[in-house]
Amino acid sequence: MHEAPKPAPTTARDARSRGARTLLQGALAVVVVAVAAFTVDTVTPGELIEWPAYGLGAATAAGTALAAWVQRTLEGDRT
């Protein structure tokens, strides 16, 4: 017995899914960079953590996710 194939996702749902995945991936990348920077800061005494740089990294991740969502939405149902 075979199950019926799942219907293809709508463009909007697919765009949300891709945007969310891209945001998560970008956020994880920011966390990795932050941990690496903290480690370097710990090893090199006298240096200060530059929090605005972390904010810029987070904004970049969010912007990348937004761009992925916009592109997928504009592409529509093309295959």
PDB file of N, CA and C in Angstrom:
ATOM      1  N   MET A   1       0.830  -1.158   0.000  1.00  0.00           N
ATOM      2  CA  MET A   1       0.000   0.000   0.000  1.00  0.00           C
ATOM      3  C   MET A   1       0.890   1.242   0.000  1.00  0.00           C
ATOM      4  N   HIS A   2       0.620   2.188  -0.881  1.00  0.00           N
ATOM      5  CA  HIS A   2       1.408   3.417  -0.980  1.00  0.00           C
ATOM      6  C   HIS A   2       0.587   4.600  -0.502  1.00  0.00           C
ATOM      7  N   GLU A   3       1.289   5.546   0.109  1.00  0.00           N
ATOM      8  CA  GLU A   3       0.614   6.765   0.534  1.00  0.00           C
ATOM      9  C   GLU A   3       0.586   7.746  -0.630  1.00  0.00           C
ATOM     10  N   ALA A   4      -0.403   8.609  -0.620  1.00  0.00           N
ATOM     11  CA  ALA A   4      -0.474   9.653  -1.638  1.00  0.00           C
ATOM     12  C   ALA A   4       0.684  10.623  -1.427  1.00  0.00           C
ATOM     13  N   PRO A   5       1.271  11.138  -2.513  1.00  0.00           N
ATOM     14  CA  PRO A   5       2.378  12.080  -2.343  1.00  0.00           C
ATOM     15  C   PRO A   5       1.908  13.357  -1.665  1.00  0.00           C
ATOM     16  N   LYS A   6       2.801  13.959  -0.917  1.00  0.00           N
ATOM     17  CA  LYS A   6       2.466  15.207  -0.237  1.00  0.00           C
ATOM     18  C   LYS A   6       2.367  16.321  -1.269  1.00  0.00           C
ATOM     19  N   PRO A   7       1.411  17.235  -1.091  1.00  0.00           N
ATOM     20  CA  PRO A   7       1.307  18.343  -2.044  1.00  0.00           C
ATOM     21  C   PRO A   7       2.519  19.267  -1.914  1.00  0.00           C
ATOM     22  N   ALA A   8       2.875  19.893  -3.018  1.00  0.00           N
ATOM     23  CA  ALA A   8       4.005  20.827  -3.004  1.00  0.00           C
ATOM     24  C   ALA A   8       3.661  22.007  -2.106  1.00  0.00           C
ATOM     25  N   PRO A   9       4.643  22.522  -1.366  1.00  0.00           N
ATOM     26  CA  PRO A   9       4.364  23.663  -0.491  1.00  0.00           C
ATOM     27  C   PRO A   9       4.052  24.905  -1.316  1.00  0.00           C
ATOM     28  N   THR A  10       3.252  25.785  -0.758  1.00  0.00           N
ATOM     29  CA  THR A  10       2.962  27.044  -1.441  1.00  0.00           C
ATOM     30  C   THR A  10       4.217  27.902  -1.415  1.00  0.00           C
ATOM     31  N   THR A  11       4.258  28.875  -2.303  1.00  0.00           N
ATOM     32  CA  THR A  11       5.419  29.761  -2.378  1.00  0.00           C
ATOM     33  C   THR A  11       5.631  30.491  -1.060  1.00  0.00           C
ATOM     34  N   ALA A  12       4.547  30.993  -0.482  1.00  0.00           N
ATOM     35  CA  ALA A  12       4.676  31.746   0.774  1.00  0.00           C
ATOM     36  C   ALA A  12       5.205  30.856   1.888  1.00  0.00           C
ATOM     37  N   ARG A  13       4.692  29.639   1.985  1.00  0.00           N
ATOM     38  CA  ARG A  13       5.149  28.729   3.048  1.00  0.00           C
ATOM     39  C   ARG A  13       6.595  28.325   2.818  1.00  0.00           C
ATOM     40  N   ASP A  14       6.947  28.071   1.557  1.00  0.00           N
ATOM     41  CA  ASP A  14       8.321  27.711   1.239  1.00  0.00           C
ATOM     42  C   ASP A  14       9.263  28.881   1.536  1.00  0.00           C
ATOM     43  N   ALA A  15       8.833  30.102   1.211  1.00  0.00           N
ATOM     44  CA  ALA A  15       9.657  31.281   1.477  1.00  0.00           C
ATOM     45  C   ALA A  15       9.868  31.459   2.981  1.00  0.00           C
ATOM     46  N   ARG A  16       8.809  31.266   3.772  1.00  0.00           N
ATOM     47  CA  ARG A  16       8.946  31.368   5.238  1.00  0.00           C
ATOM     48  C   ARG A  16       9.910  30.320   5.756  1.00  0.00           C
ATOM     49  N   SER A  17       9.784  29.109   5.249  1.00  0.00           N
ATOM     50  CA  SER A  17      10.656  28.026   5.692  1.00  0.00           C
ATOM     51  C   SER A  17      12.107  28.315   5.362  1.00  0.00           C
ATOM     52  N   ARG A  18      12.357  28.747   4.135  1.00  0.00           N
ATOM     53  CA  ARG A  18      13.734  29.060   3.739  1.00  0.00           C
ATOM     54  C   ARG A  18      14.284  30.244   4.530  1.00  0.00           C
ATOM     55  N   GLY A  19      13.449  31.258   4.727  1.00  0.00           N
ATOM     56  CA  GLY A  19      13.887  32.418   5.497  1.00  0.00           C
ATOM     57  C   GLY A  19      14.235  32.040   6.927  1.00  0.00           C
ATOM     58  N   ALA A  20      13.399  31.197   7.541  1.00  0.00           N
ATOM     59  CA  ALA A  20      13.654  30.763   8.920  1.00  0.00           C
ATOM     60  C   ALA A  20      14.935  29.941   9.009  1.00  0.00           C
ATOM     61  N   ARG A  21      15.134  29.036   8.036  1.00  0.00           N
ATOM     62  CA  ARG A  21      16.363  28.235   8.049  1.00  0.00           C
ATOM     63  C   ARG A  21      17.590  29.121   7.873  1.00  0.00           C
ATOM     64  N   THR A  22      17.497  30.101   6.957  1.00  0.00           N
ATOM     65  CA  THR A  22      18.634  30.992   6.720  1.00  0.00           C
ATOM     66  C   THR A  22      18.918  31.838   7.953  1.00  0.00           C
ATOM     67  N   LEU A  23      17.863  32.309   8.628  1.00  0.00           N
ATOM     68  CA  LEU A  23      18.047  33.087   9.854  1.00  0.00           C
ATOM     69  C   LEU A  23      18.736  32.245  10.922  1.00  0.00           C
ATOM     70  N   LEU A  24      18.297  31.006  11.079  1.00  0.00           N
ATOM     71  CA  LEU A  24      18.913  30.119  12.063  1.00  0.00           C
ATOM     72  C   LEU A  24      20.381  29.863  11.727  1.00  0.00           C
ATOM     73  N   GLN A  25      20.670  29.605  10.460  1.00  0.00           N
ATOM     74  CA  GLN A  25      22.049  29.362  10.050  1.00  0.00           C
ATOM     75  C   GLN A  25      22.913  30.598  10.286  1.00  0.00           C
ATOM     76  N   GLY A  26      22.374  31.770   9.953  1.00  0.00           N
ATOM     77  CA  GLY A  26      23.117  33.008  10.176  1.00  0.00           C
ATOM     78  C   GLY A  26      23.355  33.265  11.659  1.00  0.00           C
ATOM     79  N   ALA A  27      22.341  33.006  12.478  1.00  0.00           N
ATOM     80  CA  ALA A  27      22.482  33.195  13.924  1.00  0.00           C
ATOM     81  C   ALA A  27      23.536  32.254  14.490  1.00  0.00           C
ATOM     82  N   LEU A  28      23.542  31.012  14.021  1.00  0.00           N
ATOM     83  CA  LEU A  28      24.562  30.067  14.488  1.00  0.00           C
ATOM     84  C   LEU A  28      25.955  30.520  14.084  1.00  0.00           C
ATOM     85  N   ALA A  29      26.073  31.076  12.878  1.00  0.00           N
ATOM     86  CA  ALA A  29      27.373  31.585  12.433  1.00  0.00           C
ATOM     87  C   ALA A  29      27.829  32.735  13.321  1.00  0.00           C
ATOM     88  N   VAL A  30      26.911  33.614  13.701  1.00  0.00           N
ATOM     89  CA  VAL A  30      27.254  34.732  14.587  1.00  0.00           C
ATOM     90  C   VAL A  30      27.717  34.211  15.943  1.00  0.00           C
ATOM     91  N   VAL A  31      27.041  33.190  16.456  1.00  0.00           N
ATOM     92  CA  VAL A  31      27.423  32.613  17.749  1.00  0.00           C
ATOM     93  C   VAL A  31      28.836  32.030  17.670  1.00  0.00           C
ATOM     94  N   VAL A  32      29.132  31.323  16.587  1.00  0.00           N
ATOM     95  CA  VAL A  32      30.473  30.735  16.427  1.00  0.00           C
ATOM     96  C   VAL A  32      31.525  31.834  16.387  1.00  0.00           C
ATOM     97  N   VAL A  33      31.256  32.896  15.625  1.00  0.00           N
ATOM     98  CA  VAL A  33      32.211  34.006  15.548  1.00  0.00           C
ATOM     99  C   VAL A  33      32.356  34.688  16.906  1.00  0.00           C
ATOM    100  N   ALA A  34      31.249  34.844  17.626  1.00  0.00           N
ATOM    101  CA  ALA A  34      31.303  35.484  18.949  1.00  0.00           C
ATOM    102  C   ALA A  34      32.143  34.658  19.918  1.00  0.00           C
ATOM    103  N   VAL A  35      31.954  33.354  19.889  1.00  0.00           N
ATOM    104  CA  VAL A  35      32.740  32.490  20.776  1.00  0.00           C
ATOM    105  C   VAL A  35      34.217  32.565  20.402  1.00  0.00           C
ATOM    106  N   ALA A  36      34.505  32.556  19.108  1.00  0.00           N
ATOM    107  CA  ALA A  36      35.902  32.659  18.672  1.00  0.00           C
ATOM    108  C   ALA A  36      36.499  33.993  19.104  1.00  0.00           C
ATOM    109  N   ALA A  37      35.742  35.066  18.956  1.00  0.00           N
ATOM    110  CA  ALA A  37      36.245  36.387  19.362  1.00  0.00           C
ATOM    111  C   ALA A  37      36.463  36.448  20.870  1.00  0.00           C
ATOM    112  N   PHE A  38      35.544  35.862  21.633  1.00  0.00           N
ATOM    113  CA  PHE A  38      35.710  35.832  23.084  1.00  0.00           C
ATOM    114  C   PHE A  38      36.962  35.061  23.467  1.00  0.00           C
ATOM    115  N   THR A  39      37.197  33.952  22.767  1.00  0.00           N
ATOM    116  CA  THR A  39      38.386  33.151  23.050  1.00  0.00           C
ATOM    117  C   THR A  39      39.651  33.948  22.760  1.00  0.00           C
ATOM    118  N   VAL A  40      39.672  34.623  21.632  1.00  0.00           N
ATOM    119  CA  VAL A  40      40.842  35.444  21.291  1.00  0.00           C
ATOM    120  C   VAL A  40      41.018  36.555  22.315  1.00  0.00           C
ATOM    121  N   ASP A  41      39.893  37.160  22.740  1.00  0.00           N
ATOM    122  CA  ASP A  41      39.965  38.226  23.738  1.00  0.00           C
ATOM    123  C   ASP A  41      40.504  37.707  25.059  1.00  0.00           C
ATOM    124  N   THR A  42      40.138  36.496  25.412  1.00  0.00           N
ATOM    125  CA  THR A  42      40.611  35.908  26.660  1.00  0.00           C
ATOM    126  C   THR A  42      42.106  35.607  26.579  1.00  0.00           C
ATOM    127  N   VAL A  43      42.555  35.162  25.434  1.00  0.00           N
ATOM    128  CA  VAL A  43      43.964  34.817  25.259  1.00  0.00           C
ATOM    129  C   VAL A  43      44.823  36.072  25.176  1.00  0.00           C
ATOM    130  N   THR A  44      44.277  37.163  24.633  1.00  0.00           N
ATOM    131  CA  THR A  44      45.017  38.409  24.486  1.00  0.00           C
ATOM    132  C   THR A  44      44.536  39.399  25.538  1.00  0.00           C
ATOM    133  N   PRO A  45      45.199  39.477  26.667  1.00  0.00           N
ATOM    134  CA  PRO A  45      44.758  40.390  27.730  1.00  0.00           C
ATOM    135  C   PRO A  45      44.815  41.856  27.284  1.00  0.00           C
ATOM    136  N   GLY A  46      43.910  42.641  27.834  1.00  0.00           N
ATOM    137  CA  GLY A  46      43.904  44.069  27.558  1.00  0.00           C
ATOM    138  C   GLY A  46      42.968  44.479  26.431  1.00  0.00           C
ATOM    139  N   GLU A  47      42.444  43.556  25.684  1.00  0.00           N
ATOM    140  CA  GLU A  47      41.527  43.872  24.584  1.00  0.00           C
ATOM    141  C   GLU A  47      40.090  43.891  25.111  1.00  0.00           C
ATOM    142  N   LEU A  48      39.269  44.720  24.534  1.00  0.00           N
ATOM    143  CA  LEU A  48      37.863  44.808  24.915  1.00  0.00           C
ATOM    144  C   LEU A  48      36.988  44.149  23.863  1.00  0.00           C
ATOM    145  N   ILE A  49      35.887  43.567  24.302  1.00  0.00           N
ATOM    146  CA  ILE A  49      34.929  42.990  23.358  1.00  0.00           C
ATOM    147  C   ILE A  49      34.180  44.133  22.691  1.00  0.00           C
ATOM    148  N   GLU A  50      34.080  44.095  21.385  1.00  0.00           N
ATOM    149  CA  GLU A  50      33.369  45.127  20.641  1.00  0.00           C
ATOM    150  C   GLU A  50      31.943  44.649  20.363  1.00  0.00           C
ATOM    151  N   TRP A  51      31.016  44.986  21.271  1.00  0.00           N
ATOM    152  CA  TRP A  51      29.639  44.526  21.161  1.00  0.00           C
ATOM    153  C   TRP A  51      28.940  45.015  19.900  1.00  0.00           C
ATOM    154  N   PRO A  52      29.220  46.240  19.414  1.00  0.00           N
ATOM    155  CA  PRO A  52      28.575  46.652  18.154  1.00  0.00           C
ATOM    156  C   PRO A  52      28.902  45.714  16.987  1.00  0.00           C
ATOM    157  N   ALA A  53      30.077  45.121  17.001  1.00  0.00           N
ATOM    158  CA  ALA A  53      30.430  44.175  15.947  1.00  0.00           C
ATOM    159  C   ALA A  53      29.522  42.951  16.009  1.00  0.00           C
ATOM    160  N   TYR A  54      29.176  42.493  17.207  1.00  0.00           N
ATOM    161  CA  TYR A  54      28.256  41.360  17.342  1.00  0.00           C
ATOM    162  C   TYR A  54      26.866  41.744  16.836  1.00  0.00           C
ATOM    163  N   GLY A  55      26.453  42.960  17.140  1.00  0.00           N
ATOM    164  CA  GLY A  55      25.163  43.442  16.646  1.00  0.00           C
ATOM    165  C   GLY A  55      25.141  43.508  15.127  1.00  0.00           C
ATOM    166  N   LEU A  56      26.244  43.949  14.539  1.00  0.00           N
ATOM    167  CA  LEU A  56      26.337  44.001  13.084  1.00  0.00           C
ATOM    168  C   LEU A  56      26.271  42.597  12.491  1.00  0.00           C
ATOM    169  N   GLY A  57      26.906  41.649  13.140  1.00  0.00           N
ATOM    170  CA  GLY A  57      26.840  40.263  12.680  1.00  0.00           C
ATOM    171  C   GLY A  57      25.418  39.723  12.731  1.00  0.00           C
ATOM    172  N   ALA A  58      24.707  40.019  13.807  1.00  0.00           N
ATOM    173  CA  ALA A  58      23.318  39.566  13.941  1.00  0.00           C
ATOM    174  C   ALA A  58      22.425  40.232  12.890  1.00  0.00           C
ATOM    175  N   ALA A  59      22.662  41.520  12.649  1.00  0.00           N
ATOM    176  CA  ALA A  59      21.886  42.223  11.625  1.00  0.00           C
ATOM    177  C   ALA A  59      22.173  41.648  10.239  1.00  0.00           C
ATOM    178  N   THR A  60      23.404  41.269   9.992  1.00  0.00           N
ATOM    179  CA  THR A  60      23.754  40.649   8.714  1.00  0.00           C
ATOM    180  C   THR A  60      23.025  39.323   8.538  1.00  0.00           C
ATOM    181  N   ALA A  61      22.972  38.518   9.594  1.00  0.00           N
ATOM    182  CA  ALA A  61      22.253  37.243   9.530  1.00  0.00           C
ATOM    183  C   ALA A  61      20.772  37.480   9.247  1.00  0.00           C
ATOM    184  N   ALA A  62      20.177  38.450   9.913  1.00  0.00           N
ATOM    185  CA  ALA A  62      18.756  38.746   9.705  1.00  0.00           C
ATOM    186  C   ALA A  62      18.520  39.279   8.287  1.00  0.00           C
ATOM    187  N   GLY A  63      19.414  40.132   7.813  1.00  0.00           N
ATOM    188  CA  GLY A  63      19.285  40.663   6.452  1.00  0.00           C
ATOM    189  C   GLY A  63      19.397  39.572   5.405  1.00  0.00           C
ATOM    190  N   THR A  64      20.279  38.607   5.638  1.00  0.00           N
ATOM    191  CA  THR A  64      20.426  37.487   4.712  1.00  0.00           C
ATOM    192  C   THR A  64      19.148  36.659   4.663  1.00  0.00           C
ATOM    193  N   ALA A  65      18.559  36.405   5.819  1.00  0.00           N
ATOM    194  CA  ALA A  65      17.302  35.655   5.862  1.00  0.00           C
ATOM    195  C   ALA A  65      16.193  36.421   5.154  1.00  0.00           C
ATOM    196  N   LEU A  66      16.129  37.724   5.363  1.00  0.00           N
ATOM    197  CA  LEU A  66      15.110  38.539   4.707  1.00  0.00           C
ATOM    198  C   LEU A  66      15.300  38.510   3.192  1.00  0.00           C
ATOM    199  N   ALA A  67      16.540  38.613   2.739  1.00  0.00           N
ATOM    200  CA  ALA A  67      16.812  38.571   1.302  1.00  0.00           C
ATOM    201  C   ALA A  67      16.408  37.224   0.705  1.00  0.00           C
ATOM    202  N   ALA A  68      16.660  36.125   1.418  1.00  0.00           N
ATOM    203  CA  ALA A  68      16.267  34.796   0.942  1.00  0.00           C
ATOM    204  C   ALA A  68      14.749  34.701   0.841  1.00  0.00           C
ATOM    205  N   TRP A  69      14.054  35.248   1.828  1.00  0.00           N
ATOM    206  CA  TRP A  69      12.590  35.225   1.816  1.00  0.00           C
ATOM    207  C   TRP A  69      12.036  36.045   0.650  1.00  0.00           C
ATOM    208  N   VAL A  70      12.572  37.255   0.438  1.00  0.00           N
ATOM    209  CA  VAL A  70      12.105  38.118  -0.652  1.00  0.00           C
ATOM    210  C   VAL A  70      12.359  37.455  -2.006  1.00  0.00           C
ATOM    211  N   GLN A  71      13.553  36.907  -2.189  1.00  0.00           N
ATOM    212  CA  GLN A  71      13.866  36.269  -3.466  1.00  0.00           C
ATOM    213  C   GLN A  71      12.926  35.104  -3.740  1.00  0.00           C
ATOM    214  N   ARG A  72      12.694  34.265  -2.755  1.00  0.00           N
ATOM    215  CA  ARG A  72      11.816  33.098  -2.955  1.00  0.00           C
ATOM    216  C   ARG A  72      10.396  33.547  -3.227  1.00  0.00           C
ATOM    217  N   THR A  73       9.948  34.591  -2.554  1.00  0.00           N
ATOM    218  CA  THR A  73       8.601  35.098  -2.766  1.00  0.00           C
ATOM    219  C   THR A  73       8.465  35.661  -4.191  1.00  0.00           C
ATOM    220  N   LEU A  74       9.460  36.384  -4.650  1.00  0.00           N
ATOM    221  CA  LEU A  74       9.416  36.964  -5.999  1.00  0.00           C
ATOM    222  C   LEU A  74       9.512  35.886  -7.088  1.00  0.00           C
ATOM    223  N   GLU A  75      10.220  34.804  -6.817  1.00  0.00           N
ATOM    224  CA  GLU A  75      10.350  33.735  -7.803  1.00  0.00           C
ATOM    225  C   GLU A  75       9.028  33.010  -8.031  1.00  0.00           C
ATOM    226  N   GLY A  76       8.163  33.013  -7.061  1.00  0.00           N
ATOM    227  CA  GLY A  76       6.865  32.365  -7.196  1.00  0.00           C
ATOM    228  C   GLY A  76       7.011  30.848  -7.267  1.00  0.00           C
ATOM    229  N   ASP A  77       6.145  30.241  -8.052  1.00  0.00           N
ATOM    230  CA  ASP A  77       6.098  28.787  -8.148  1.00  0.00           C
ATOM    231  C   ASP A  77       6.943  28.219  -9.289  1.00  0.00           C
ATOM    232  N   ARG A  78       7.886  29.000  -9.790  1.00  0.00           N
ATOM    233  CA  ARG A  78       8.740  28.479 -10.858  1.00  0.00           C
ATOM    234  C   ARG A  78       9.553  27.293 -10.353  1.00  0.00           C
ATOM    235  N   THR A  79       9.760  26.329 -11.194  1.00  0.00           N
ATOM    236  CA  THR A  79      10.563  25.164 -10.805  1.00  0.00           C
ATOM    237  C   THR A  79      11.786  25.057 -11.661  1.00  0.00           C
TER     238      THR A  79
END
